[in-house]
Structures are given as structure tokens and as C-alpha cells.
Amino acid sequence: MGKTLAIVNPAARNGDGARGAAFLRYAAGSAAAPFEGIQIETTREAGHATALAAQASNFDCVLAVGGDGVVHETLAGLMRIPREKRPTFALIPCGNGNDYARTLGMSFVMEEALTQLSSAQRISADVGVCNGEYFAETLSFGLDAAIALGTYERRRRTGREGTRLFVEEGANQLVFHRDAYDFTAIADGGTSKQGSMHLFAVQIGPTYGGGFRVCPNADATDGKLDCCVAKAPLGMLKAAYLFARAKDGKHVGHTGSFDFFDAKSLTLEFDREPPAQIDGEPIYGTKFDIAVLPGALDVYFAKGAAH
């Protein structure tokens, strides 16, 4: 991995990030460490990871330690560095959702993740961009975004963690907030299509919400955005059934309720502002210009990871 900058979110997973910083300091003295030298920085506030990564052009690798939030911020900083000087990205996950870690095949156990990096494959991965904001894994609108954002609030309020929170928030949204939004979509500059949706997901990797395989065939290296649209209207019982099946990607066969397609660029416009999230962070508006940047970031994937 060469000369490495570690960006650590000490608050990740109720303080596990702080343990990760201590672990890296200990591991740095080991002959088995996968880096030549490491500088460890802990984030102090929102946006700090972006600022740190943006100044990392003299490093070979930037290692994020945390969840999807620190991944999102670190990516934003790295994308400010010209491609030829941009460090390789690596991840030791210790967040709650860890969806980008799933795409990279990284273990959620820190010690195992560090060992994986010793034999990791350096691969050029795609990066998504929406209205000028970059994303590593997921962008979504409607029901799933409302669930993701509600899960964050539920986690903050209760101090609990795990996929169960996503399921609890999903049940709440399905019963009380199963809203539909009319949209116009233009994929790859083609003919505009209109529809009504409960959910519209645009994926680089296959999962969101802590492992829900909304676009199970998404490949972070194929130069495409994978899209899933849950068509409105859906009754509560059917919506709940399909939500449960989406955990393992088993909703794919329900073509009467879902549309699946891929694109390199996409313009989406909604009749009113929907709940929307980008790598788990809120994003606002009614019109969204979305594109994939093929191979824009070199990333360490665990050896043998499906991507």
C-alpha cells in the first residue's frame, strides 16, 4: 500500500473507530503491516475527512476507517485530486451499514480486514456523481431513502445499531408513509419516460441499508449505473412482502412491480421533492443529473471479492 494516510472516524459504530485508530498505531510497528509508513488522522467534525483526503496527493494510499459516511466524505476529497495523482483508496469498515465494504469484500473485523489488505487487489472502480456530489455505492429516492434517513435518526436517538434498525424503520415507513412520486427519466440521452414510483435506486454496488441487495447484479467496475424502480401503486401487504424479499435480492423476478435497467447517465425529475440519500447522507431537490465516472478511483478489493 506504500505511504498511507489513515482517516479515522472515532465516533463510528459507537466508538469502534477510536479503537481502530489505536489498533492501527499498534499494527504500524508490525513487520506484517501492509503499508510502508502510516499517518493517522482522526476526524473532528463533518467535512473533516474530505479536507484531509483532498490534501493527500503525496500519499500512495488513503485508508478510511469507519462506515459509509467516512467513505463518502473521503471520496469527495480524493476526487478533488487530479486522476494521475489520486491515491488508491482502502477501507477498514467499522460503521453500521458498511455497504461499500460489502462491495469490496472487506471483513467487518478490523484485524481480519488489515490482513486482507496485505493481499488485496488494486482495481479501478467506478464513481457516481449526482448534481456535482460523488457517491461510492448508492443513491436513492422515495421509500428506501426515507428508510435510510429514518434509520440514521433512529440510531442516533436510541444508540442501537445493526440491520434490525433498518427493518424496523422500513416497517414504519411501509405502514404510514408509502408515498408515490411521479417522475420523468432520461437514460443515456434517450427518450424521456414518465412513471410513478415508491422507490428509485441508482447503484454503483449492489447493496444499501446494511446489506439489502436492491440491485444484486451491480458491478462497481463495469462502467454502468444499475437502477431499480418500485412502481406505484403498491398495497401495504405486497410492499412489505417485496421489501422482505429484497434483503437477499429475491425481488428481481417481480417484473410487474419493479423495473430494472442500467445506464451511463440519467436525468431524473420529480413532481415534488422526494426523500433522497447519497451514500446514506441526505440530498435535496427535484431534479437530479446523475452519471457514472468509469474507473475513476483505484480501490483495494479483498482478494477474490466479486465486484
C-alpha atoms as a PDB file:
ATOM      1  CA  MET A   1       0.000   0.000   0.000  1.00  0.00           C
ATOM      2  CA  GLY A   2       3.011   2.301   0.248  1.00  0.00           C
ATOM      3  CA  LYS A   3       2.893   5.534   2.182  1.00  0.00           C
ATOM      4  CA  THR A   4      -0.579   5.644   3.729  1.00  0.00           C
ATOM      5  CA  LEU A   5      -2.832   8.287   5.241  1.00  0.00           C
ATOM      6  CA  ALA A   6      -5.436   6.762   7.573  1.00  0.00           C
ATOM      7  CA  ILE A   7      -8.575   8.853   8.073  1.00  0.00           C
ATOM      8  CA  VAL A   8     -10.407   7.570  11.128  1.00  0.00           C
ATOM      9  CA  ASN A   9     -13.894   8.480  12.308  1.00  0.00           C
ATOM     10  CA  PRO A  10     -13.519   7.924  16.085  1.00  0.00           C
ATOM     11  CA  ALA A  11     -17.298   8.014  16.602  1.00  0.00           C
ATOM     12  CA  ALA A  12     -18.025   5.225  14.091  1.00  0.00           C
ATOM     13  CA  ARG A  13     -20.163   2.387  15.480  1.00  0.00           C
ATOM     14  CA  ASN A  14     -20.420   3.901  18.940  1.00  0.00           C
ATOM     15  CA  GLY A  15     -16.692   4.433  19.355  1.00  0.00           C
ATOM     16  CA  ASP A  16     -15.261   1.464  17.467  1.00  0.00           C
ATOM     17  CA  GLY A  17     -13.494   3.944  15.193  1.00  0.00           C
ATOM     18  CA  ALA A  18     -11.402   5.166  18.119  1.00  0.00           C
ATOM     19  CA  ARG A  19     -10.418   1.569  18.810  1.00  0.00           C
ATOM     20  CA  GLY A  20      -9.483   1.319  15.140  1.00  0.00           C
ATOM     21  CA  ALA A  21      -7.052   4.227  15.470  1.00  0.00           C
ATOM     22  CA  ALA A  22      -5.382   2.548  18.445  1.00  0.00           C
ATOM     23  CA  PHE A  23      -5.233  -0.741  16.559  1.00  0.00           C
ATOM     24  CA  LEU A  24      -3.552   0.911  13.557  1.00  0.00           C
ATOM     25  CA  ARG A  25      -0.940   2.532  15.783  1.00  0.00           C
ATOM     26  CA  TYR A  26      -0.164  -0.887  17.237  1.00  0.00           C
ATOM     27  CA  ALA A  27      -0.185  -2.607  13.811  1.00  0.00           C
ATOM     28  CA  ALA A  28       2.130   0.026  12.308  1.00  0.00           C
ATOM     29  CA  GLY A  29       5.019  -1.459  14.282  1.00  0.00           C
ATOM     30  CA  SER A  30       4.461  -4.953  12.943  1.00  0.00           C
ATOM     31  CA  ALA A  31       6.584  -6.423  10.147  1.00  0.00           C
ATOM     32  CA  ALA A  32       3.321  -7.744   8.650  1.00  0.00           C
ATOM     33  CA  ALA A  33       1.823  -4.241   8.233  1.00  0.00           C
ATOM     34  CA  PRO A  34       0.721  -3.784   4.595  1.00  0.00           C
ATOM     35  CA  PHE A  35       1.993  -0.191   4.402  1.00  0.00           C
ATOM     36  CA  GLU A  36       5.469   1.310   4.286  1.00  0.00           C
ATOM     37  CA  GLY A  37       4.528   4.097   6.647  1.00  0.00           C
ATOM     38  CA  ILE A  38       1.277   5.438   8.047  1.00  0.00           C
ATOM     39  CA  GLN A  39      -0.010   8.803   9.242  1.00  0.00           C
ATOM     40  CA  ILE A  40      -3.186   8.559  11.303  1.00  0.00           C
ATOM     41  CA  GLU A  41      -5.674  11.438  11.429  1.00  0.00           C
ATOM     42  CA  THR A  42      -8.959  11.376  13.346  1.00  0.00           C
ATOM     43  CA  THR A  43     -11.905  13.422  12.157  1.00  0.00           C
ATOM     44  CA  ARG A  44     -13.266  16.157  14.402  1.00  0.00           C
ATOM     45  CA  GLU A  45     -16.379  17.339  12.568  1.00  0.00           C
ATOM     46  CA  ALA A  46     -18.474  16.895   9.449  1.00  0.00           C
ATOM     47  CA  GLY A  47     -16.424  17.551   6.326  1.00  0.00           C
ATOM     48  CA  HIS A  48     -13.059  16.986   8.029  1.00  0.00           C
ATOM     49  CA  ALA A  49     -12.429  13.695   6.176  1.00  0.00           C
ATOM     50  CA  THR A  50     -12.998  15.494   2.872  1.00  0.00           C
ATOM     51  CA  ALA A  51     -10.473  18.194   3.763  1.00  0.00           C
ATOM     52  CA  LEU A  52      -7.885  15.614   4.836  1.00  0.00           C
ATOM     53  CA  ALA A  53      -8.298  13.474   1.710  1.00  0.00           C
ATOM     54  CA  ALA A  54      -8.148  16.489  -0.609  1.00  0.00           C
ATOM     55  CA  GLN A  55      -4.610  17.219   0.659  1.00  0.00           C
ATOM     56  CA  ALA A  56      -3.349  13.632   0.323  1.00  0.00           C
ATOM     57  CA  SER A  57      -1.755  13.769  -3.137  1.00  0.00           C
ATOM     58  CA  ASN A  58       1.681  12.998  -1.641  1.00  0.00           C
ATOM     59  CA  PHE A  59       0.419   9.654  -0.259  1.00  0.00           C
ATOM     60  CA  ASP A  60       0.193   6.370  -2.141  1.00  0.00           C
ATOM     61  CA  CYS A  61      -2.956   5.272  -0.344  1.00  0.00           C
ATOM     62  CA  VAL A  62      -5.757   6.798   1.720  1.00  0.00           C
ATOM     63  CA  LEU A  63      -7.229   4.328   4.202  1.00  0.00           C
ATOM     64  CA  ALA A  64     -10.674   5.144   5.603  1.00  0.00           C
ATOM     65  CA  VAL A  65     -11.569   3.647   8.977  1.00  0.00           C
ATOM     66  CA  GLY A  66     -15.276   3.963   9.682  1.00  0.00           C
ATOM     67  CA  GLY A  67     -18.617   3.496   7.968  1.00  0.00           C
ATOM     68  CA  ASP A  68     -20.240   4.632   4.743  1.00  0.00           C
ATOM     69  CA  GLY A  69     -20.241   8.241   5.970  1.00  0.00           C
ATOM     70  CA  VAL A  70     -16.449   8.486   6.162  1.00  0.00           C
ATOM     71  CA  VAL A  71     -16.231   6.636   2.817  1.00  0.00           C
ATOM     72  CA  HIS A  72     -18.483   9.279   1.267  1.00  0.00           C
ATOM     73  CA  GLU A  73     -16.507  12.188   2.707  1.00  0.00           C
ATOM     74  CA  THR A  74     -13.132  10.665   1.846  1.00  0.00           C
ATOM     75  CA  LEU A  75     -14.255  10.038  -1.725  1.00  0.00           C
ATOM     76  CA  ALA A  76     -15.278  13.680  -2.069  1.00  0.00           C
ATOM     77  CA  GLY A  77     -11.783  14.760  -1.063  1.00  0.00           C
ATOM     78  CA  LEU A  78      -9.972  12.273  -3.286  1.00  0.00           C
ATOM     79  CA  MET A  79     -11.982  13.372  -6.310  1.00  0.00           C
ATOM     80  CA  ARG A  80     -10.538  16.878  -5.906  1.00  0.00           C
ATOM     81  CA  ILE A  81      -7.088  15.446  -6.721  1.00  0.00           C
ATOM     82  CA  PRO A  82      -6.206  15.029 -10.422  1.00  0.00           C
ATOM     83  CA  ARG A  83      -6.583  11.401 -11.565  1.00  0.00           C
ATOM     84  CA  GLU A  84      -2.867  10.902 -12.193  1.00  0.00           C
ATOM     85  CA  LYS A  85      -2.019  11.979  -8.633  1.00  0.00           C
ATOM     86  CA  ARG A  86      -5.042  10.455  -6.873  1.00  0.00           C
ATOM     87  CA  PRO A  87      -4.065   7.949  -4.133  1.00  0.00           C
ATOM     88  CA  THR A  88      -5.517   4.462  -4.027  1.00  0.00           C
ATOM     89  CA  PHE A  89      -8.468   4.101  -1.648  1.00  0.00           C
ATOM     90  CA  ALA A  90      -8.650   1.388   1.038  1.00  0.00           C
ATOM     91  CA  LEU A  91     -11.191   0.670   3.751  1.00  0.00           C
ATOM     92  CA  ILE A  92     -11.287  -0.904   7.191  1.00  0.00           C
ATOM     93  CA  PRO A  93     -15.011  -0.908   7.969  1.00  0.00           C
ATOM     94  CA  CYS A  94     -16.391  -0.215  11.412  1.00  0.00           C
ATOM     95  CA  GLY A  95     -19.676   1.508  10.641  1.00  0.00           C
ATOM     96  CA  ASN A  96     -23.296   0.423  10.921  1.00  0.00           C
ATOM     97  CA  GLY A  97     -24.305  -0.145   7.291  1.00  0.00           C
ATOM     98  CA  ASN A  98     -20.890  -0.967   5.786  1.00  0.00           C
ATOM     99  CA  ASP A  99     -22.353  -1.351   2.309  1.00  0.00           C
ATOM    100  CA  TYR A 100     -19.261  -0.231   0.407  1.00  0.00           C
ATOM    101  CA  ALA A 101     -17.244  -2.694   2.483  1.00  0.00           C
ATOM    102  CA  ARG A 102     -19.550  -5.437   1.211  1.00  0.00           C
ATOM    103  CA  THR A 103     -18.809  -4.380  -2.345  1.00  0.00           C
ATOM    104  CA  LEU A 104     -15.073  -4.553  -1.629  1.00  0.00           C
ATOM    105  CA  GLY A 105     -15.389  -7.891   0.187  1.00  0.00           C
ATOM    106  CA  MET A 106     -13.838  -6.489   3.373  1.00  0.00           C
ATOM    107  CA  SER A 107     -14.295  -8.199   6.716  1.00  0.00           C
ATOM    108  CA  PHE A 108     -16.071  -6.253   9.473  1.00  0.00           C
ATOM    109  CA  VAL A 109     -13.433  -7.499  11.945  1.00  0.00           C
ATOM    110  CA  MET A 110     -10.590  -4.956  11.946  1.00  0.00           C
ATOM    111  CA  GLU A 111      -7.780  -7.453  12.371  1.00  0.00           C
ATOM    112  CA  GLU A 112      -9.103  -9.568   9.509  1.00  0.00           C
ATOM    113  CA  ALA A 113      -9.604  -6.511   7.297  1.00  0.00           C
ATOM    114  CA  LEU A 114      -5.996  -5.436   7.809  1.00  0.00           C
ATOM    115  CA  THR A 115      -4.818  -8.936   6.888  1.00  0.00           C
ATOM    116  CA  GLN A 116      -6.989  -8.804   3.755  1.00  0.00           C
ATOM    117  CA  LEU A 117      -5.239  -5.597   2.697  1.00  0.00           C
ATOM    118  CA  SER A 118      -1.922  -7.459   2.653  1.00  0.00           C
ATOM    119  CA  SER A 119      -3.130  -9.481  -0.344  1.00  0.00           C
ATOM    120  CA  ALA A 120      -5.765  -7.092  -1.745  1.00  0.00           C
ATOM    121  CA  GLN A 121      -6.250  -6.437  -5.455  1.00  0.00           C
ATOM    122  CA  ARG A 122      -5.841  -2.884  -6.678  1.00  0.00           C
ATOM    123  CA  ILE A 123      -8.699  -2.332  -9.152  1.00  0.00           C
ATOM    124  CA  SER A 124     -10.040   0.752 -10.921  1.00  0.00           C
ATOM    125  CA  ALA A 125     -13.572   1.257  -9.613  1.00  0.00           C
ATOM    126  CA  ASP A 126     -16.433   3.408 -10.810  1.00  0.00           C
ATOM    127  CA  VAL A 127     -17.607   6.537  -9.031  1.00  0.00           C
ATOM    128  CA  GLY A 128     -21.091   8.009  -9.275  1.00  0.00           C
ATOM    129  CA  VAL A 129     -21.875  11.708  -9.351  1.00  0.00           C
ATOM    130  CA  CYS A 130     -25.210  13.433  -8.746  1.00  0.00           C
ATOM    131  CA  ASN A 131     -25.606  17.198  -9.089  1.00  0.00           C
ATOM    132  CA  GLY A 132     -21.855  17.504  -8.552  1.00  0.00           C
ATOM    133  CA  GLU A 133     -21.732  15.297  -5.439  1.00  0.00           C
ATOM    134  CA  TYR A 134     -19.842  11.999  -5.655  1.00  0.00           C
ATOM    135  CA  PHE A 135     -21.034   8.642  -4.362  1.00  0.00           C
ATOM    136  CA  ALA A 136     -19.283   5.312  -3.916  1.00  0.00           C
ATOM    137  CA  GLU A 137     -22.214   2.926  -3.523  1.00  0.00           C
ATOM    138  CA  THR A 138     -25.766   4.206  -3.506  1.00  0.00           C
ATOM    139  CA  LEU A 139     -28.156   6.980  -4.470  1.00  0.00           C
ATOM    140  CA  SER A 140     -31.872   6.570  -3.931  1.00  0.00           C
ATOM    141  CA  PHE A 141     -35.192   8.375  -3.847  1.00  0.00           C
ATOM    142  CA  GLY A 142     -38.520   7.761  -2.163  1.00  0.00           C
ATOM    143  CA  LEU A 143     -39.305   4.941   0.263  1.00  0.00           C
ATOM    144  CA  ASP A 144     -35.823   3.476   0.570  1.00  0.00           C
ATOM    145  CA  ALA A 145     -34.251   6.887   1.129  1.00  0.00           C
ATOM    146  CA  ALA A 146     -36.866   7.659   3.783  1.00  0.00           C
ATOM    147  CA  ILE A 147     -35.993   4.351   5.465  1.00  0.00           C
ATOM    148  CA  ALA A 148     -32.244   5.027   5.289  1.00  0.00           C
ATOM    149  CA  LEU A 149     -32.563   8.535   6.720  1.00  0.00           C
ATOM    150  CA  GLY A 150     -35.083   7.390   9.319  1.00  0.00           C
ATOM    151  CA  THR A 151     -32.743   4.593  10.364  1.00  0.00           C
ATOM    152  CA  TYR A 152     -29.988   7.134  10.960  1.00  0.00           C
ATOM    153  CA  GLU A 153     -32.285   9.179  13.197  1.00  0.00           C
ATOM    154  CA  ARG A 154     -33.444   6.034  14.999  1.00  0.00           C
ATOM    155  CA  ARG A 155     -29.794   5.018  15.592  1.00  0.00           C
ATOM    156  CA  ARG A 156     -28.888   8.480  16.836  1.00  0.00           C
ATOM    157  CA  ARG A 157     -31.888   8.589  19.149  1.00  0.00           C
ATOM    158  CA  THR A 158     -31.563   5.085  20.629  1.00  0.00           C
ATOM    159  CA  GLY A 159     -27.831   4.310  20.409  1.00  0.00           C
ATOM    160  CA  ARG A 160     -28.710   0.940  18.868  1.00  0.00           C
ATOM    161  CA  GLU A 161     -27.201  -0.392  15.649  1.00  0.00           C
ATOM    162  CA  GLY A 162     -27.447  -3.152  13.042  1.00  0.00           C
ATOM    163  CA  THR A 163     -29.718  -4.174  10.169  1.00  0.00           C
ATOM    164  CA  ARG A 164     -32.626  -4.627  12.589  1.00  0.00           C
ATOM    165  CA  LEU A 165     -32.987  -0.836  12.829  1.00  0.00           C
ATOM    166  CA  PHE A 166     -33.360  -0.642   9.027  1.00  0.00           C
ATOM    167  CA  VAL A 167     -36.086  -3.326   9.173  1.00  0.00           C
ATOM    168  CA  GLU A 168     -37.913  -1.525  11.998  1.00  0.00           C
ATOM    169  CA  GLU A 169     -37.830   1.792  10.150  1.00  0.00           C
ATOM    170  CA  GLY A 170     -38.892   0.004   6.958  1.00  0.00           C
ATOM    171  CA  ALA A 171     -41.972  -1.401   8.684  1.00  0.00           C
ATOM    172  CA  ASN A 172     -42.862   2.056   9.974  1.00  0.00           C
ATOM    173  CA  GLN A 173     -42.488   3.642   6.543  1.00  0.00           C
ATOM    174  CA  LEU A 174     -44.444   0.872   4.798  1.00  0.00           C
ATOM    175  CA  VAL A 175     -47.408   1.309   7.149  1.00  0.00           C
ATOM    176  CA  PHE A 176     -47.514   5.097   7.487  1.00  0.00           C
ATOM    177  CA  HIS A 177     -45.512   6.725   4.656  1.00  0.00           C
ATOM    178  CA  ARG A 178     -45.904   4.685   1.484  1.00  0.00           C
ATOM    179  CA  ASP A 179     -45.878   7.783  -0.711  1.00  0.00           C
ATOM    180  CA  ALA A 180     -45.762   7.782  -4.512  1.00  0.00           C
ATOM    181  CA  TYR A 181     -43.837  10.296  -6.644  1.00  0.00           C
ATOM    182  CA  ASP A 182     -44.303  10.990 -10.331  1.00  0.00           C
ATOM    183  CA  PHE A 183     -41.053  11.187 -12.266  1.00  0.00           C
ATOM    184  CA  THR A 184     -39.565  11.773 -15.685  1.00  0.00           C
ATOM    185  CA  ALA A 185     -36.377   9.870 -16.506  1.00  0.00           C
ATOM    186  CA  ILE A 186     -33.967  10.232 -19.416  1.00  0.00           C
ATOM    187  CA  ALA A 187     -31.321   7.491 -19.612  1.00  0.00           C
ATOM    188  CA  ASP A 188     -28.209   7.999 -21.767  1.00  0.00           C
ATOM    189  CA  GLY A 189     -29.756  10.990 -23.511  1.00  0.00           C
ATOM    190  CA  GLY A 190     -32.585   8.912 -24.974  1.00  0.00           C
ATOM    191  CA  THR A 191     -36.341   9.295 -24.938  1.00  0.00           C
ATOM    192  CA  SER A 192     -37.910  10.568 -21.740  1.00  0.00           C
ATOM    193  CA  LYS A 193     -40.065   8.132 -19.793  1.00  0.00           C
ATOM    194  CA  GLN A 194     -42.713   9.005 -17.232  1.00  0.00           C
ATOM    195  CA  GLY A 195     -43.896   6.936 -14.331  1.00  0.00           C
ATOM    196  CA  SER A 196     -44.908   6.838 -10.699  1.00  0.00           C
ATOM    197  CA  MET A 197     -42.690   5.232  -8.090  1.00  0.00           C
ATOM    198  CA  HIS A 198     -42.367   4.372  -4.427  1.00  0.00           C
ATOM    199  CA  LEU A 199     -38.627   3.760  -4.741  1.00  0.00           C
ATOM    200  CA  PHE A 200     -35.922   4.643  -7.263  1.00  0.00           C
ATOM    201  CA  ALA A 201     -32.416   3.329  -6.532  1.00  0.00           C
ATOM    202  CA  VAL A 202     -29.292   4.120  -8.563  1.00  0.00           C
ATOM    203  CA  GLN A 203     -26.395   1.870  -7.580  1.00  0.00           C
ATOM    204  CA  ILE A 204     -22.660   1.524  -8.108  1.00  0.00           C
ATOM    205  CA  GLY A 205     -22.521  -1.517  -5.798  1.00  0.00           C
ATOM    206  CA  PRO A 206     -25.322  -3.987  -5.118  1.00  0.00           C
ATOM    207  CA  THR A 207     -26.452  -3.112  -1.577  1.00  0.00           C
ATOM    208  CA  TYR A 208     -27.724  -0.428   0.736  1.00  0.00           C
ATOM    209  CA  GLY A 209     -29.253  -0.271   4.209  1.00  0.00           C
ATOM    210  CA  GLY A 210     -26.786  -2.724   5.713  1.00  0.00           C
ATOM    211  CA  GLY A 211     -26.954  -5.462   3.085  1.00  0.00           C
ATOM    212  CA  PHE A 212     -30.267  -5.115   1.233  1.00  0.00           C
ATOM    213  CA  ARG A 213     -29.428  -6.316  -2.295  1.00  0.00           C
ATOM    214  CA  VAL A 214     -31.590  -3.854  -4.203  1.00  0.00           C
ATOM    215  CA  CYS A 215     -29.507  -4.221  -7.398  1.00  0.00           C
ATOM    216  CA  PRO A 216     -27.900  -7.643  -6.875  1.00  0.00           C
ATOM    217  CA  ASN A 217     -26.175  -7.649 -10.268  1.00  0.00           C
ATOM    218  CA  ALA A 218     -24.474  -4.275  -9.829  1.00  0.00           C
ATOM    219  CA  ASP A 219     -20.748  -4.342 -10.582  1.00  0.00           C
ATOM    220  CA  ALA A 220     -18.584  -1.490  -9.288  1.00  0.00           C
ATOM    221  CA  THR A 221     -16.183  -1.889 -12.234  1.00  0.00           C
ATOM    222  CA  ASP A 222     -18.482  -2.209 -15.270  1.00  0.00           C
ATOM    223  CA  GLY A 223     -18.857   1.498 -16.067  1.00  0.00           C
ATOM    224  CA  LYS A 224     -22.638   1.444 -15.524  1.00  0.00           C
ATOM    225  CA  LEU A 225     -25.258   2.593 -13.049  1.00  0.00           C
ATOM    226  CA  ASP A 226     -27.701  -0.147 -12.030  1.00  0.00           C
ATOM    227  CA  CYS A 227     -31.218   1.130 -11.413  1.00  0.00           C
ATOM    228  CA  CYS A 228     -34.227  -0.362  -9.639  1.00  0.00           C
ATOM    229  CA  VAL A 229     -37.675   1.254  -9.682  1.00  0.00           C
ATOM    230  CA  ALA A 230     -40.550   0.081  -7.478  1.00  0.00           C
ATOM    231  CA  LYS A 231     -43.626   1.080  -9.441  1.00  0.00           C
ATOM    232  CA  ALA A 232     -46.593   2.699  -7.706  1.00  0.00           C
ATOM    233  CA  PRO A 233     -49.135   1.905  -6.513  1.00  0.00           C
ATOM    234  CA  LEU A 234     -48.245  -0.995  -4.210  1.00  0.00           C
ATOM    235  CA  GLY A 235     -50.559  -2.089  -1.401  1.00  0.00           C
ATOM    236  CA  MET A 236     -49.109  -2.384   2.075  1.00  0.00           C
ATOM    237  CA  LEU A 237     -49.037  -6.197   2.192  1.00  0.00           C
ATOM    238  CA  LYS A 238     -47.417  -6.560  -1.209  1.00  0.00           C
ATOM    239  CA  ALA A 239     -44.931  -3.789  -0.450  1.00  0.00           C
ATOM    240  CA  ALA A 240     -43.996  -5.489   2.842  1.00  0.00           C
ATOM    241  CA  TYR A 241     -43.580  -8.837   1.077  1.00  0.00           C
ATOM    242  CA  LEU A 242     -41.318  -7.352  -1.589  1.00  0.00           C
ATOM    243  CA  PHE A 243     -39.343  -5.379   0.995  1.00  0.00           C
ATOM    244  CA  ALA A 244     -38.590  -8.613   2.856  1.00  0.00           C
ATOM    245  CA  ARG A 245     -37.539 -10.380  -0.346  1.00  0.00           C
ATOM    246  CA  ALA A 246     -35.205  -7.501  -1.275  1.00  0.00           C
ATOM    247  CA  LYS A 247     -32.957  -8.397   1.668  1.00  0.00           C
ATOM    248  CA  ASP A 248     -31.492 -11.220  -0.433  1.00  0.00           C
ATOM    249  CA  GLY A 249     -32.215  -9.807  -3.882  1.00  0.00           C
ATOM    250  CA  LYS A 250     -35.227 -12.091  -4.393  1.00  0.00           C
ATOM    251  CA  HIS A 251     -37.433  -9.237  -5.601  1.00  0.00           C
ATOM    252  CA  VAL A 252     -35.749  -9.304  -9.022  1.00  0.00           C
ATOM    253  CA  GLY A 253     -38.260 -11.708 -10.560  1.00  0.00           C
ATOM    254  CA  HIS A 254     -41.235  -9.466  -9.750  1.00  0.00           C
ATOM    255  CA  THR A 255     -41.190  -7.538 -13.041  1.00  0.00           C
ATOM    256  CA  GLY A 256     -44.770  -6.399 -12.603  1.00  0.00           C
ATOM    257  CA  SER A 257     -43.743  -4.379  -9.569  1.00  0.00           C
ATOM    258  CA  PHE A 258     -40.142  -3.465 -10.431  1.00  0.00           C
ATOM    259  CA  ASP A 259     -38.241  -2.112 -13.404  1.00  0.00           C
ATOM    260  CA  PHE A 260     -34.521  -2.819 -13.700  1.00  0.00           C
ATOM    261  CA  PHE A 261     -32.174  -1.136 -16.156  1.00  0.00           C
ATOM    262  CA  ASP A 262     -28.645   0.181 -16.427  1.00  0.00           C
ATOM    263  CA  ALA A 263     -27.324   3.446 -17.816  1.00  0.00           C
ATOM    264  CA  LYS A 264     -24.190   5.559 -18.015  1.00  0.00           C
ATOM    265  CA  SER A 265     -26.080   8.787 -17.384  1.00  0.00           C
ATOM    266  CA  LEU A 266     -29.521   9.577 -16.044  1.00  0.00           C
ATOM    267  CA  THR A 267     -31.609  12.690 -15.580  1.00  0.00           C
ATOM    268  CA  LEU A 268     -34.417  12.388 -13.040  1.00  0.00           C
ATOM    269  CA  GLU A 269     -37.089  14.972 -12.345  1.00  0.00           C
ATOM    270  CA  PHE A 270     -39.852  14.546  -9.747  1.00  0.00           C
ATOM    271  CA  ASP A 271     -43.199  16.279  -9.386  1.00  0.00           C
ATOM    272  CA  ARG A 272     -42.274  17.204  -5.796  1.00  0.00           C
ATOM    273  CA  GLU A 273     -39.236  16.820  -3.599  1.00  0.00           C
ATOM    274  CA  PRO A 274     -38.798  13.176  -2.525  1.00  0.00           C
ATOM    275  CA  PRO A 275     -36.761  11.873   0.389  1.00  0.00           C
ATOM    276  CA  ALA A 276     -33.314  11.278  -1.105  1.00  0.00           C
ATOM    277  CA  GLN A 277     -29.998   9.889   0.122  1.00  0.00           C
ATOM    278  CA  ILE A 278     -26.496   9.629  -1.297  1.00  0.00           C
ATOM    279  CA  ASP A 279     -24.287   7.068   0.490  1.00  0.00           C
ATOM    280  CA  GLY A 280     -26.604   7.470   3.474  1.00  0.00           C
ATOM    281  CA  GLU A 281     -26.420  11.273   3.561  1.00  0.00           C
ATOM    282  CA  PRO A 282     -29.416  13.488   2.685  1.00  0.00           C
ATOM    283  CA  ILE A 283     -29.535  15.204  -0.691  1.00  0.00           C
ATOM    284  CA  TYR A 284     -32.225  17.690  -1.697  1.00  0.00           C
ATOM    285  CA  GLY A 285     -34.015  18.830  -4.846  1.00  0.00           C
ATOM    286  CA  THR A 286     -36.497  17.759  -7.510  1.00  0.00           C
ATOM    287  CA  LYS A 287     -34.116  17.439 -10.489  1.00  0.00           C
ATOM    288  CA  PHE A 288     -31.028  15.256 -10.432  1.00  0.00           C
ATOM    289  CA  ASP A 289     -28.337  14.895 -13.100  1.00  0.00           C
ATOM    290  CA  ILE A 290     -26.564  11.592 -12.486  1.00  0.00           C
ATOM    291  CA  ALA A 291     -23.618   9.939 -14.211  1.00  0.00           C
ATOM    292  CA  VAL A 292     -21.003   7.243 -13.714  1.00  0.00           C
ATOM    293  CA  LEU A 293     -17.294   8.010 -13.960  1.00  0.00           C
ATOM    294  CA  PRO A 294     -15.800   4.689 -15.109  1.00  0.00           C
ATOM    295  CA  GLY A 295     -12.628   3.616 -13.321  1.00  0.00           C
ATOM    296  CA  ALA A 296     -12.247   6.995 -11.650  1.00  0.00           C
ATOM    297  CA  LEU A 297     -10.756   5.648  -8.418  1.00  0.00           C
ATOM    298  CA  ASP A 298      -8.213   2.905  -7.746  1.00  0.00           C
ATOM    299  CA  VAL A 299      -9.505   0.829  -4.831  1.00  0.00           C
ATOM    300  CA  TYR A 300      -8.202  -2.149  -2.851  1.00  0.00           C
ATOM    301  CA  PHE A 301     -10.651  -5.050  -3.149  1.00  0.00           C
ATOM    302  CA  ALA A 302     -10.264  -8.110  -0.923  1.00  0.00           C
ATOM    303  CA  LYS A 303      -8.714 -10.988  -2.844  1.00  0.00           C
ATOM    304  CA  GLY A 304     -11.443 -12.990  -4.554  1.00  0.00           C
ATOM    305  CA  ALA A 305     -14.161 -10.380  -3.939  1.00  0.00           C
ATOM    306  CA  ALA A 306     -16.960 -10.372  -6.501  1.00  0.00           C
ATOM    307  CA  HIS A 307     -17.223  -6.889  -7.953  1.00  0.00           C
END
